[in-house]
Amino acid sequence: MYIDVVPNRSSPPAILLRESFWKDGKVRKRTLANLSKLPPHLIDALRRRLKGAPPSDTPLQDAFDIVRSLPHGHVAAALSSLRHCGLESLIASRRSRQRDLVVAMIVARILDPRSKLATARGLSSQTATDTLPEMLGLADADANELYQAMDWLLQRQAAIETRLADKHLKEGALVLYDLTSTWFEGRHCPLARHGYSRDRKRGYLQLVFGLLCTREGWPLAIEAFQGDTADPSTLASQVNKLRKRFGLSRVALVGDRGLLTEARIREDLQPAGLDWISALRGPAIRALVRQDALQPSLFDQRDLAEITCPALYPGERLIVCRNPLLAEERARKRQELLAATEAKLVQVLEATQRERRPLKGEIKIRERVHKVVDKYKMKKHFLLEITPDRFSYRRNPVSVAAEAALDGFYVVRTSLAKTQLDSQETVEAYKGLSVVERAFRCFKTLDLRVRPIYHRLAPRVRAHLWLCLLAYYVEHHMRTCLAPMLFDDQEGPERSSVVAAAQPSASARKKAASKRCPDGLPVHSFQTLLADLATIARQRIQPKDAGSPPFDLVTRPTPQQEKALSLLNVRLGPGRQPSTQ
């Protein structure tokens, strides 16, 4: 084939695409196409290609401009996962700009948790940091729009929580509930109060929030409370939520011993007809020993036994567990605290005996002594003698021995019948509270960064927490799918017994040691895998040939990225997409 230029008298010449062939001993030619209307640069490029030359004298690397390059793979993974787990339709059945903005904030919270102002900047067409606004069709959303979308989402929280409960809960299910706190930057939020800081941020205003989860780790509901709220006082609202909003008549609530107290069980759970799984505090365990319901000597050869104590816990089952490793740890810690207390008491004793300005007066000496023993909570293990001019102390061997006899013991209590959960299953259910603790770690640390909170209005604080829960819902789905590529233990921990400490499975230990998956690919954490997927970019390419339209080209995934996208059931689409701009 070749390009032939045919003169046409006074008219422009005809430019024809022709081919030559041999027939009847002569060279003949036929016309395949008329190229007269094509631009000259395209005709020249075609002529060069037909001759086997490059389409232009310009080197290939200089024939194109990359106009823009935006990370795309991690956005496609998170957004597709959000849709695969059904969250988009749970938020609202019909698409709207409010729903798209909420989805954008959820995905942004997973990929790069930042302030709402920074998130809005990332959704702008001029300052976008990834392809999220393009994939959702958002055009230049500002921070005020995001705040309005948060208000819209908060109004739908109760309905969405109910839909989540309908999806993941059924009658007779176990529901895990626990609380944590975080600190607040500022002074003008009605929810922020001075209270106990689980993050060891003393002097900061605190905020308490509680999380309801399924046994498998799916988050269902979240609620914010004032920072000085005691844990047990939050239980009534959760019971009301389970019974009235979720419509569950038979459900067992699993909570720790500081939450499901005797008073809350009697006043909240029993009137509502709900079952429970919790544990006893130290004084309650010692009361069982005094009642002869618990005999520590029986656990020399076993680590679990079920007992009853109708006098103290009528109608309840008590599962006594003894963990030798926990016993050793408690003994070690007690000895350290006793030694630290004695070291401080020696200083008080020396202050009473020094020659110059000795410490005198029973009131002054007592204040100094109690300041020491209260610091380490060791007053019960010391016999103190305080007079106006002297002070002495010694350990109480009876108290120390009595406490040491119960080292390693904990007692799980439940109202469930043995036909519903046997002893081992009950202990496993109580230990399942680690699922909520894992969620709190994701909320607070590198994953979602719920803390610190800067919002001043109480509804905005609640909407912020609610967004973080929805983001964790998507992350839980992604972690479950990506488990073969992560350090997460896909097979579950191994235990010699339900009481013993959990150990990683053989496959998890092998992954941790070799840093490789069974197929030889590197093992990732969730965050590093997202960072790896972010290297899949969508690039806007502009050919330098005049009149050639720009097009989009997506980076070819590596084998590891292809595996991750396959596990998440994500398709990146065609490599080239014609630009509509």
Protein backbone atom coordinates (compact mmCIF):
# COMPACT_ATOMS: atom_id res chain seq x y z
CA MET A 1 0.00 0.00 0.00
CA TYR A 2 1.12 3.52 -0.67
CA ILE A 3 -0.23 7.08 -0.80
CA ASP A 4 -0.61 8.54 -4.26
CA VAL A 5 -1.12 12.25 -5.04
CA VAL A 6 -3.15 12.77 -8.22
CA PRO A 7 -3.17 16.27 -9.78
CA ASN A 8 -6.65 17.66 -10.41
CA ARG A 9 -6.17 20.66 -12.74
CA SER A 10 -7.26 23.82 -10.91
CA SER A 11 -8.61 21.90 -7.88
CA PRO A 12 -6.51 20.59 -5.03
CA PRO A 13 -4.86 17.26 -5.78
CA ALA A 14 -6.59 14.05 -4.73
CA ILE A 15 -4.72 12.10 -2.07
CA LEU A 16 -5.52 8.38 -2.39
CA LEU A 17 -4.60 5.27 -0.47
CA ARG A 18 -3.73 2.65 -3.10
CA GLU A 19 -2.26 -0.80 -3.43
CA SER A 20 -0.38 -2.45 -6.31
CA PHE A 21 -0.86 -6.01 -7.55
CA TRP A 22 0.25 -8.16 -10.49
CA LYS A 23 -2.34 -9.30 -13.03
CA ASP A 24 -2.03 -10.63 -16.59
CA GLY A 25 1.65 -9.90 -16.65
CA LYS A 26 1.17 -6.27 -15.76
CA VAL A 27 1.39 -4.15 -12.60
CA ARG A 28 -2.01 -2.81 -11.77
CA LYS A 29 -3.32 -0.60 -8.93
CA ARG A 30 -6.60 0.02 -7.17
CA THR A 31 -7.78 2.78 -4.83
CA LEU A 32 -8.69 1.77 -1.25
CA ALA A 33 -9.62 5.14 0.25
CA ASN A 34 -9.70 8.83 -0.46
CA LEU A 35 -7.60 10.65 2.14
CA SER A 36 -8.04 14.14 0.72
CA LYS A 37 -10.02 15.43 3.70
CA LEU A 38 -7.54 14.28 6.33
CA PRO A 39 -5.20 16.82 7.97
CA PRO A 40 -1.72 16.94 6.41
CA HIS A 41 -0.01 15.72 9.63
CA LEU A 42 -2.09 12.54 9.64
CA ILE A 43 -1.41 11.91 5.95
CA ASP A 44 2.30 12.38 6.58
CA ALA A 45 2.20 10.05 9.59
CA LEU A 46 0.39 7.38 7.58
CA ARG A 47 2.88 7.69 4.71
CA ARG A 48 5.77 7.20 7.11
CA ARG A 49 4.13 4.19 8.73
CA LEU A 50 3.52 2.58 5.33
CA LYS A 51 7.23 2.96 4.63
CA GLY A 52 8.08 1.33 7.96
CA ALA A 53 9.34 4.55 9.50
CA PRO A 54 8.16 6.15 12.79
CA PRO A 55 5.04 8.31 12.36
CA SER A 56 7.09 11.40 13.11
CA ASP A 57 10.65 12.57 13.22
CA THR A 58 10.06 13.41 16.89
CA PRO A 59 11.36 10.73 19.34
CA LEU A 60 8.54 8.68 20.86
CA GLN A 61 9.14 9.98 24.39
CA ASP A 62 8.74 13.52 23.08
CA ALA A 63 5.55 12.81 21.17
CA PHE A 64 3.30 12.93 24.26
CA ASP A 65 2.79 15.07 27.34
CA ILE A 66 1.51 13.62 30.62
CA VAL A 67 -0.88 16.38 31.60
CA ARG A 68 -1.83 14.94 34.99
CA SER A 69 -1.25 11.78 37.00
CA LEU A 70 -3.52 10.82 39.92
CA PRO A 71 -3.33 7.76 42.21
CA HIS A 72 -6.20 5.47 41.32
CA GLY A 73 -5.78 1.85 42.44
CA HIS A 74 -6.45 2.34 46.15
CA VAL A 75 -9.49 4.52 45.35
CA ALA A 76 -10.94 1.84 43.07
CA ALA A 77 -10.29 -0.82 45.73
CA ALA A 78 -11.97 1.10 48.59
CA LEU A 79 -14.89 2.45 46.56
CA SER A 80 -15.64 -0.93 44.97
CA SER A 81 -15.44 -2.62 48.38
CA LEU A 82 -17.88 -0.08 49.81
CA ARG A 83 -20.32 -0.98 47.04
CA HIS A 84 -19.71 -4.73 47.24
CA CYS A 85 -20.54 -4.83 50.96
CA GLY A 86 -23.79 -2.97 50.25
CA LEU A 87 -23.03 0.11 52.31
CA GLU A 88 -23.87 2.59 49.57
CA SER A 89 -27.44 1.34 49.30
CA LEU A 90 -27.73 1.15 53.10
CA ILE A 91 -26.88 4.85 53.35
CA ALA A 92 -29.55 5.78 50.78
CA SER A 93 -31.35 3.74 48.16
CA ARG A 94 -31.13 6.54 45.56
CA ARG A 95 -28.10 8.40 44.42
CA SER A 96 -27.81 12.04 45.42
CA ARG A 97 -25.06 14.56 45.88
CA GLN A 98 -25.36 14.16 49.66
CA ARG A 99 -24.85 10.42 49.37
CA ASP A 100 -21.89 10.87 47.03
CA LEU A 101 -20.29 13.34 49.45
CA VAL A 102 -20.78 10.92 52.34
CA VAL A 103 -19.29 8.07 50.31
CA ALA A 104 -16.35 10.31 49.43
CA MET A 105 -15.73 11.12 53.12
CA ILE A 106 -15.91 7.43 54.06
CA VAL A 107 -13.41 6.42 51.37
CA ALA A 108 -11.16 9.38 52.20
CA ARG A 109 -11.22 8.36 55.88
CA ILE A 110 -9.90 4.91 54.90
CA LEU A 111 -7.27 6.11 52.44
CA ASP A 112 -6.02 9.33 54.03
CA PRO A 113 -7.81 10.44 57.21
CA ARG A 114 -7.62 14.21 57.43
CA SER A 115 -9.74 17.16 58.47
CA LYS A 116 -12.90 17.96 56.54
CA LEU A 117 -11.20 21.05 55.09
CA ALA A 118 -8.32 18.95 53.76
CA THR A 119 -10.77 16.34 52.48
CA ALA A 120 -12.67 19.04 50.60
CA ARG A 121 -9.44 20.25 49.06
CA GLY A 122 -8.77 16.72 47.85
CA LEU A 123 -12.18 16.66 46.15
CA SER A 124 -11.52 19.82 44.15
CA SER A 125 -10.73 19.38 40.46
CA GLN A 126 -7.77 21.74 40.78
CA THR A 127 -6.25 20.25 43.94
CA ALA A 128 -7.42 16.62 43.77
CA THR A 129 -4.95 14.14 45.24
CA ASP A 130 -6.51 11.05 43.66
CA THR A 131 -9.30 9.99 41.30
CA LEU A 132 -12.02 9.85 43.99
CA PRO A 133 -13.91 13.02 42.88
CA GLU A 134 -13.77 11.90 39.26
CA MET A 135 -15.12 8.42 40.06
CA LEU A 136 -18.01 9.85 42.10
CA GLY A 137 -18.75 12.73 39.73
CA LEU A 138 -18.16 15.36 42.38
CA ALA A 139 -17.28 18.81 41.18
CA ASP A 140 -15.43 21.14 43.53
CA ALA A 141 -17.12 20.27 46.84
CA ASP A 142 -16.22 22.69 49.62
CA ALA A 143 -16.00 22.17 53.36
CA ASN A 144 -19.46 23.64 53.99
CA GLU A 145 -20.97 21.03 51.67
CA LEU A 146 -19.19 18.30 53.60
CA TYR A 147 -20.55 19.62 56.89
CA GLN A 148 -24.06 19.70 55.42
CA ALA A 149 -23.60 16.12 54.20
CA MET A 150 -22.52 15.13 57.73
CA ASP A 151 -25.70 16.67 59.13
CA TRP A 152 -27.72 14.78 56.49
CA LEU A 153 -25.99 11.51 57.40
CA LEU A 154 -26.54 12.01 61.14
CA GLN A 155 -30.30 12.28 60.58
CA ARG A 156 -30.18 8.86 58.91
CA GLN A 157 -28.00 7.19 61.56
CA ALA A 158 -30.81 5.41 63.38
CA ALA A 159 -32.26 4.02 60.14
CA ILE A 160 -28.85 2.86 58.87
CA GLU A 161 -28.02 1.20 62.20
CA THR A 162 -31.33 -0.66 62.02
CA ARG A 163 -30.52 -1.86 58.50
CA LEU A 164 -27.09 -3.03 59.65
CA ALA A 165 -28.69 -4.92 62.54
CA ASP A 166 -31.21 -6.53 60.18
CA LYS A 167 -28.34 -7.62 57.96
CA HIS A 168 -26.01 -9.04 60.63
CA LEU A 169 -28.14 -9.93 63.66
CA LYS A 170 -30.85 -12.48 64.30
CA GLU A 171 -32.71 -13.68 67.36
CA GLY A 172 -30.45 -15.35 69.91
CA ALA A 173 -27.30 -13.61 68.64
CA LEU A 174 -24.40 -12.38 70.74
CA VAL A 175 -23.77 -8.62 70.71
CA LEU A 176 -20.48 -7.20 71.96
CA TYR A 177 -20.42 -3.80 73.65
CA ASP A 178 -17.54 -1.77 75.00
CA LEU A 179 -16.48 1.85 75.48
CA THR A 180 -13.41 3.93 75.01
CA SER A 181 -12.49 7.59 75.22
CA THR A 182 -10.58 10.12 73.19
CA TRP A 183 -9.46 13.64 73.81
CA PHE A 184 -10.89 16.88 72.48
CA GLU A 185 -9.01 19.91 71.19
CA GLY A 186 -10.82 23.01 72.38
CA ARG A 187 -13.20 24.02 75.16
CA HIS A 188 -16.58 24.68 73.57
CA CYS A 189 -18.17 21.29 72.88
CA PRO A 190 -20.97 20.30 75.29
CA LEU A 191 -19.87 16.66 75.08
CA ALA A 192 -16.29 17.40 76.12
CA ARG A 193 -15.70 17.02 79.85
CA HIS A 194 -12.84 16.30 82.18
CA GLY A 195 -12.83 12.56 82.79
CA TYR A 196 -10.75 9.42 82.76
CA SER A 197 -8.46 9.31 79.71
CA ARG A 198 -7.79 5.86 78.28
CA ASP A 199 -5.23 7.53 76.00
CA ARG A 200 -3.28 8.94 78.98
CA LYS A 201 -3.96 12.49 77.86
CA ARG A 202 -4.32 14.09 81.25
CA GLY A 203 -5.52 17.65 81.36
CA TYR A 204 -7.48 17.37 78.11
CA LEU A 205 -11.24 17.35 77.82
CA GLN A 206 -12.51 13.86 77.07
CA LEU A 207 -15.24 12.27 75.01
CA VAL A 208 -16.61 8.76 75.60
CA PHE A 209 -18.14 6.62 72.87
CA GLY A 210 -19.54 3.11 72.90
CA LEU A 211 -19.49 0.58 70.08
CA LEU A 212 -21.85 -2.33 69.38
CA CYS A 213 -20.35 -5.15 67.28
CA THR A 214 -21.32 -8.60 66.13
CA ARG A 215 -19.32 -11.59 67.22
CA GLU A 216 -17.62 -11.62 63.81
CA GLY A 217 -16.48 -8.02 64.19
CA TRP A 218 -19.03 -6.15 62.06
CA PRO A 219 -19.73 -2.75 63.67
CA LEU A 220 -23.43 -2.02 64.12
CA ALA A 221 -23.89 1.18 66.10
CA ILE A 222 -21.95 3.91 67.85
CA GLU A 223 -23.00 6.46 70.44
CA ALA A 224 -21.19 9.43 71.95
CA PHE A 225 -21.40 10.38 75.63
CA GLN A 226 -20.04 13.18 77.76
CA GLY A 227 -16.44 12.72 78.82
CA ASP A 228 -17.24 12.24 82.51
CA THR A 229 -19.86 9.52 81.89
CA ALA A 230 -19.37 6.30 83.85
CA ASP A 231 -19.35 3.13 81.73
CA PRO A 232 -22.32 1.40 83.42
CA SER A 233 -24.61 4.40 82.91
CA THR A 234 -24.38 3.97 79.11
CA LEU A 235 -25.95 0.52 79.17
CA ALA A 236 -29.60 1.58 79.33
CA SER A 237 -29.51 3.29 75.93
CA GLN A 238 -27.95 0.19 74.34
CA VAL A 239 -30.63 -2.08 75.80
CA ASN A 240 -33.30 0.25 74.46
CA LYS A 241 -31.58 0.22 71.06
CA LEU A 242 -31.48 -3.58 70.89
CA ARG A 243 -35.04 -4.11 72.06
CA LYS A 244 -37.01 -1.26 70.52
CA ARG A 245 -35.08 -0.03 67.50
CA PHE A 246 -33.62 -3.36 66.35
CA GLY A 247 -36.67 -5.32 67.46
CA LEU A 248 -34.70 -8.17 69.09
CA SER A 249 -36.37 -10.01 71.95
CA ARG A 250 -33.72 -12.68 72.48
CA VAL A 251 -30.15 -11.48 72.47
CA ALA A 252 -27.15 -11.88 74.78
CA LEU A 253 -25.07 -8.79 75.55
CA VAL A 254 -21.35 -9.38 76.13
CA GLY A 255 -19.54 -6.74 78.18
CA ASP A 256 -16.63 -6.47 80.57
CA ARG A 257 -16.94 -6.60 84.34
CA GLY A 258 -16.68 -2.83 84.74
CA LEU A 259 -19.64 -2.31 82.42
CA LEU A 260 -22.13 -5.05 83.28
CA THR A 261 -22.24 -4.43 87.00
CA GLU A 262 -24.65 -6.10 89.39
CA ALA A 263 -26.84 -3.01 89.48
CA ARG A 264 -27.03 -2.71 85.68
CA ILE A 265 -27.89 -6.38 85.30
CA ARG A 266 -30.64 -6.07 87.88
CA GLU A 267 -32.06 -2.74 86.67
CA ASP A 268 -31.47 -2.80 82.88
CA LEU A 269 -30.90 -6.29 81.49
CA GLN A 270 -33.25 -8.42 83.59
CA PRO A 271 -36.33 -6.17 83.15
CA ALA A 272 -35.69 -6.12 79.38
CA GLY A 273 -35.44 -9.90 79.26
CA LEU A 274 -31.91 -9.86 77.79
CA ASP A 275 -29.20 -12.40 78.59
CA TRP A 276 -25.64 -11.44 79.35
CA ILE A 277 -22.05 -12.65 79.51
CA SER A 278 -19.63 -10.81 81.75
CA ALA A 279 -17.06 -11.45 84.47
CA LEU A 280 -16.71 -10.98 88.22
CA ARG A 281 -14.50 -8.45 89.92
CA GLY A 282 -11.88 -9.37 92.50
CA PRO A 283 -14.05 -8.77 95.60
CA ALA A 284 -16.82 -10.91 94.11
CA ILE A 285 -14.35 -13.76 93.47
CA ARG A 286 -13.17 -13.57 97.08
CA ALA A 287 -16.81 -13.74 98.18
CA LEU A 288 -17.15 -17.02 96.24
CA VAL A 289 -14.17 -18.39 98.17
CA ARG A 290 -15.77 -17.42 101.48
CA GLN A 291 -18.95 -19.18 100.37
CA ASP A 292 -16.90 -22.32 99.54
CA ALA A 293 -18.29 -22.16 96.02
CA LEU A 294 -14.77 -21.72 94.65
CA GLN A 295 -11.88 -23.84 95.91
CA PRO A 296 -8.56 -22.79 94.34
CA SER A 297 -6.93 -26.14 95.14
CA LEU A 298 -9.23 -27.87 92.66
CA PHE A 299 -7.41 -26.09 89.80
CA ASP A 300 -4.00 -27.67 90.30
CA GLN A 301 -4.70 -30.11 87.46
CA ARG A 302 -7.27 -28.24 85.37
CA ASP A 303 -7.84 -24.72 84.16
CA LEU A 304 -11.65 -24.53 83.78
CA ALA A 305 -14.66 -25.62 85.78
CA GLU A 306 -18.28 -24.58 85.95
CA ILE A 307 -19.82 -23.83 89.34
CA THR A 308 -22.99 -22.35 90.75
CA CYS A 309 -23.64 -20.15 93.74
CA PRO A 310 -27.42 -19.76 94.27
CA ALA A 311 -26.87 -17.66 97.37
CA LEU A 312 -25.05 -14.91 95.43
CA TYR A 313 -25.96 -15.51 91.78
CA PRO A 314 -29.28 -17.31 91.52
CA GLY A 315 -30.08 -18.67 88.08
CA GLU A 316 -26.62 -17.90 86.72
CA ARG A 317 -23.77 -20.08 85.56
CA LEU A 318 -20.22 -19.28 86.71
CA ILE A 319 -17.26 -20.58 84.71
CA VAL A 320 -14.04 -20.41 86.72
CA CYS A 321 -10.81 -20.17 84.71
CA ARG A 322 -7.19 -20.20 85.84
CA ASN A 323 -4.39 -19.07 83.54
CA PRO A 324 -0.89 -19.92 84.90
CA LEU A 325 0.76 -17.27 82.73
CA LEU A 326 -1.65 -14.65 84.04
CA ALA A 327 -0.87 -15.84 87.58
CA GLU A 328 2.85 -15.33 87.03
CA GLU A 329 2.31 -11.88 85.58
CA ARG A 330 0.10 -10.77 88.46
CA ALA A 331 2.61 -12.08 91.02
CA ARG A 332 5.45 -10.24 89.29
CA LYS A 333 3.49 -7.00 89.09
CA ARG A 334 2.44 -7.22 92.74
CA GLN A 335 6.04 -7.68 93.87
CA GLU A 336 7.11 -4.67 91.83
CA LEU A 337 4.36 -2.51 93.30
CA LEU A 338 5.17 -3.67 96.84
CA ALA A 339 8.85 -2.85 96.31
CA ALA A 340 8.03 0.56 94.83
CA THR A 341 5.71 1.33 97.76
CA GLU A 342 8.34 0.30 100.31
CA ALA A 343 10.94 2.50 98.62
CA LYS A 344 8.63 5.51 99.03
CA LEU A 345 7.72 4.58 102.60
CA VAL A 346 11.42 4.43 103.48
CA GLN A 347 11.70 8.05 102.40
CA VAL A 348 8.81 8.99 104.69
CA LEU A 349 10.42 7.05 107.54
CA GLU A 350 13.74 8.83 107.03
CA ALA A 351 11.93 12.17 106.99
CA THR A 352 10.56 11.45 110.47
CA GLN A 353 14.03 10.54 111.80
CA ARG A 354 16.21 13.26 110.30
CA GLU A 355 17.84 15.69 112.69
CA ARG A 356 17.01 18.88 110.87
CA ARG A 357 13.32 19.76 110.53
CA PRO A 358 11.98 16.22 110.91
CA LEU A 359 8.49 15.37 109.75
CA LYS A 360 6.26 15.45 112.83
CA GLY A 361 2.61 15.46 113.65
CA GLU A 362 0.24 12.55 113.13
CA ILE A 363 -1.82 14.42 110.51
CA LYS A 364 1.21 15.40 108.41
CA ILE A 365 2.77 11.94 108.60
CA ARG A 366 -0.55 10.29 107.72
CA GLU A 367 -0.99 12.56 104.68
CA ARG A 368 2.46 11.65 103.36
CA VAL A 369 1.97 7.94 103.99
CA HIS A 370 -1.46 7.74 102.36
CA LYS A 371 -0.20 9.67 99.37
CA VAL A 372 2.36 6.87 98.84
CA VAL A 373 0.14 3.83 99.41
CA ASP A 374 -2.73 5.29 97.40
CA LYS A 375 -0.43 5.90 94.44
CA TYR A 376 0.30 2.20 93.97
CA LYS A 377 -2.97 0.89 95.47
CA MET A 378 -1.02 -1.19 98.02
CA LYS A 379 -2.52 0.02 101.27
CA LYS A 380 -4.28 -3.31 101.86
CA HIS A 381 -0.92 -5.13 101.95
CA PHE A 382 0.75 -2.99 104.65
CA LEU A 383 0.32 -2.66 108.41
CA LEU A 384 0.93 0.97 109.32
CA GLU A 385 1.59 2.51 112.75
CA ILE A 386 1.50 6.30 112.92
CA THR A 387 2.02 8.38 116.04
CA PRO A 388 2.68 12.11 116.44
CA ASP A 389 6.46 11.64 116.38
CA ARG A 390 7.15 8.29 114.72
CA PHE A 391 6.07 6.01 111.88
CA SER A 392 6.60 2.31 111.13
CA TYR A 393 5.34 -0.13 108.54
CA ARG A 394 5.55 -3.79 107.58
CA ARG A 395 3.98 -6.03 104.99
CA ASN A 396 0.80 -7.90 105.80
CA PRO A 397 1.65 -11.51 104.87
CA VAL A 398 -1.95 -12.66 105.36
CA SER A 399 -3.31 -10.13 102.86
CA VAL A 400 -0.55 -10.85 100.34
CA ALA A 401 -1.06 -14.62 100.60
CA ALA A 402 -4.84 -14.31 100.26
CA GLU A 403 -4.49 -12.29 97.08
CA ALA A 404 -1.76 -14.55 95.70
CA ALA A 405 -3.99 -17.58 96.15
CA LEU A 406 -6.35 -16.15 93.52
CA ASP A 407 -3.66 -15.11 91.04
CA GLY A 408 -4.61 -16.12 87.52
CA PHE A 409 -8.27 -16.74 88.36
CA TYR A 410 -11.15 -15.07 86.57
CA VAL A 411 -14.81 -16.00 86.61
CA VAL A 412 -17.12 -15.59 83.63
CA ARG A 413 -20.80 -15.23 84.52
CA THR A 414 -23.76 -15.72 82.23
CA SER A 415 -27.50 -16.13 82.29
CA LEU A 416 -27.49 -18.35 79.19
CA ALA A 417 -28.42 -21.99 79.62
CA LYS A 418 -25.83 -24.65 78.96
CA THR A 419 -27.89 -25.86 76.00
CA GLN A 420 -27.32 -22.47 74.35
CA LEU A 421 -23.60 -22.13 75.11
CA ASP A 422 -21.43 -24.65 76.92
CA SER A 423 -18.62 -23.62 79.25
CA GLN A 424 -15.90 -23.30 76.62
CA GLU A 425 -18.16 -21.43 74.18
CA THR A 426 -19.12 -19.01 76.95
CA VAL A 427 -15.48 -18.23 77.74
CA GLU A 428 -14.77 -17.82 74.03
CA ALA A 429 -17.69 -15.41 73.74
CA TYR A 430 -16.35 -13.29 76.61
CA LYS A 431 -12.87 -13.27 75.10
CA GLY A 432 -14.53 -12.14 71.87
CA LEU A 433 -14.54 -8.62 73.34
CA SER A 434 -11.06 -8.42 71.82
CA VAL A 435 -12.93 -7.83 68.54
CA VAL A 436 -14.18 -4.51 69.90
CA GLU A 437 -10.72 -3.66 71.22
CA ARG A 438 -9.34 -4.31 67.75
CA ALA A 439 -11.94 -1.95 66.31
CA PHE A 440 -10.92 0.73 68.81
CA ARG A 441 -7.29 0.35 67.75
CA CYS A 442 -8.30 0.89 64.12
CA PHE A 443 -10.42 3.89 65.14
CA LYS A 444 -7.65 5.56 67.10
CA THR A 445 -4.36 4.75 65.42
CA LEU A 446 -3.04 4.78 61.85
CA ASP A 447 -6.17 3.51 60.12
CA LEU A 448 -8.99 6.00 60.81
CA ARG A 449 -7.49 8.54 63.25
CA VAL A 450 -10.67 9.46 65.03
CA ARG A 451 -8.59 11.43 67.54
CA PRO A 452 -8.19 14.17 68.46
CA ILE A 453 -11.61 15.68 67.78
CA TYR A 454 -11.80 19.31 66.66
CA HIS A 455 -15.54 19.73 65.98
CA ARG A 456 -17.25 22.12 68.37
CA LEU A 457 -20.91 21.19 67.84
CA ALA A 458 -22.20 18.02 69.48
CA PRO A 459 -24.05 16.85 66.32
CA ARG A 460 -20.87 17.25 64.28
CA VAL A 461 -18.92 15.19 66.82
CA ARG A 462 -21.54 12.45 66.59
CA ALA A 463 -21.47 12.62 62.78
CA HIS A 464 -17.66 12.38 62.84
CA LEU A 465 -17.81 9.21 64.96
CA TRP A 466 -20.55 7.79 62.74
CA LEU A 467 -18.45 8.38 59.63
CA CYS A 468 -15.56 6.56 61.28
CA LEU A 469 -17.80 3.58 62.06
CA LEU A 470 -18.94 3.36 58.44
CA ALA A 471 -15.32 3.59 57.31
CA TYR A 472 -14.40 0.77 59.69
CA TYR A 473 -17.28 -1.29 58.27
CA VAL A 474 -15.69 -1.04 54.82
CA GLU A 475 -12.21 -1.67 56.21
CA HIS A 476 -13.43 -4.81 58.00
CA HIS A 477 -14.79 -6.08 54.68
CA MET A 478 -11.51 -5.30 52.92
CA ARG A 479 -9.38 -6.93 55.61
CA THR A 480 -11.49 -10.07 55.44
CA CYS A 481 -11.02 -10.29 51.67
CA LEU A 482 -7.31 -9.41 51.74
CA ALA A 483 -6.40 -11.70 54.67
CA PRO A 484 -4.25 -14.04 52.48
CA MET A 485 -1.99 -11.09 51.63
CA LEU A 486 -1.86 -9.50 55.10
CA PHE A 487 -0.11 -10.38 58.33
CA ASP A 488 -3.60 -11.09 59.74
CA ASP A 489 -4.08 -14.67 60.94
CA GLN A 490 -6.36 -16.12 58.28
CA GLU A 491 -6.89 -19.46 60.05
CA GLY A 492 -7.50 -18.01 63.51
CA PRO A 493 -5.35 -18.36 66.64
CA GLU A 494 -4.36 -21.70 68.13
CA ARG A 495 -4.99 -22.57 71.78
CA SER A 496 -4.14 -25.60 73.84
CA SER A 497 -7.32 -24.77 75.76
CA VAL A 498 -9.87 -21.99 75.76
CA VAL A 499 -8.20 -20.51 78.88
CA ALA A 500 -4.65 -20.50 77.52
CA ALA A 501 -3.26 -17.50 75.71
CA ALA A 502 -3.90 -17.50 71.98
CA GLN A 503 -0.96 -18.26 69.70
CA PRO A 504 -0.69 -17.47 65.99
CA SER A 505 -1.46 -20.34 63.66
CA ALA A 506 1.35 -22.16 61.84
CA SER A 507 0.59 -20.34 58.60
CA ALA A 508 0.60 -16.94 60.35
CA ARG A 509 3.94 -17.71 62.02
CA LYS A 510 5.37 -18.75 58.66
CA LYS A 511 4.18 -15.52 57.02
CA ALA A 512 5.60 -13.44 59.87
CA ALA A 513 8.97 -15.20 59.70
CA SER A 514 9.45 -15.25 55.93
CA LYS A 515 7.54 -12.03 55.16
CA ARG A 516 6.17 -13.94 52.16
CA CYS A 517 2.81 -15.39 51.16
CA PRO A 518 2.62 -19.06 50.09
CA ASP A 519 2.77 -17.91 46.44
CA GLY A 520 6.02 -16.02 47.10
CA LEU A 521 4.59 -12.50 47.06
CA PRO A 522 5.53 -10.12 49.92
CA VAL A 523 3.21 -9.91 52.94
CA HIS A 524 1.72 -6.49 53.66
CA SER A 525 0.00 -4.65 56.43
CA PHE A 526 -3.32 -3.09 55.46
CA GLN A 527 -1.83 0.38 55.15
CA THR A 528 1.22 -0.64 53.11
CA LEU A 529 -1.00 -2.64 50.74
CA LEU A 530 -3.17 0.44 50.17
CA ALA A 531 0.00 2.45 49.52
CA ASP A 532 1.07 -0.17 46.99
CA LEU A 533 -2.29 0.00 45.21
CA ALA A 534 -2.00 3.79 45.13
CA THR A 535 0.92 3.45 42.71
CA ILE A 536 -1.66 2.39 40.08
CA ALA A 537 -2.24 5.81 38.55
CA ARG A 538 -4.63 7.20 35.99
CA GLN A 539 -2.67 9.48 33.67
CA ARG A 540 -4.06 12.07 31.28
CA ILE A 541 -1.92 11.91 28.11
CA GLN A 542 -1.93 14.60 25.44
CA PRO A 543 -0.35 13.74 22.04
CA LYS A 544 1.66 16.61 20.59
CA ASP A 545 0.20 16.05 17.13
CA ALA A 546 -2.18 18.90 16.40
CA GLY A 547 -5.79 17.86 16.60
CA SER A 548 -5.16 14.61 18.51
CA PRO A 549 -7.47 14.38 21.55
CA PRO A 550 -6.14 13.53 25.00
CA PHE A 551 -6.81 10.12 26.51
CA ASP A 552 -6.51 8.39 29.89
CA LEU A 553 -4.15 5.50 30.53
CA VAL A 554 -4.15 3.41 33.72
CA THR A 555 -0.92 1.92 35.04
CA ARG A 556 -0.57 -1.80 34.38
CA PRO A 557 -0.89 -3.57 37.78
CA THR A 558 1.94 -5.69 39.13
CA PRO A 559 1.22 -9.37 39.96
CA GLN A 560 0.76 -8.44 43.63
CA GLN A 561 -1.64 -5.64 42.78
CA GLU A 562 -3.56 -7.93 40.43
CA LYS A 563 -3.96 -10.44 43.26
CA ALA A 564 -5.22 -7.79 45.69
CA LEU A 565 -7.72 -6.43 43.17
CA SER A 566 -8.89 -9.96 42.37
CA LEU A 567 -9.48 -10.73 46.06
CA LEU A 568 -11.53 -7.54 46.33
CA ASN A 569 -13.36 -8.31 43.08
CA VAL A 570 -12.27 -4.98 41.60
CA ARG A 571 -11.93 -4.27 37.88
CA LEU A 572 -9.99 -1.24 36.77
CA GLY A 573 -11.67 -1.09 33.36
CA PRO A 574 -9.99 -0.50 29.98
CA GLY A 575 -6.50 0.85 29.88
CA ARG A 576 -7.38 3.72 27.59
CA GLN A 577 -10.46 5.84 27.98
CA PRO A 578 -11.20 8.64 25.50
CA SER A 579 -11.37 12.00 27.17
CA THR A 580 -14.67 13.84 27.16
CA GLN A 581 -13.05 17.13 28.04
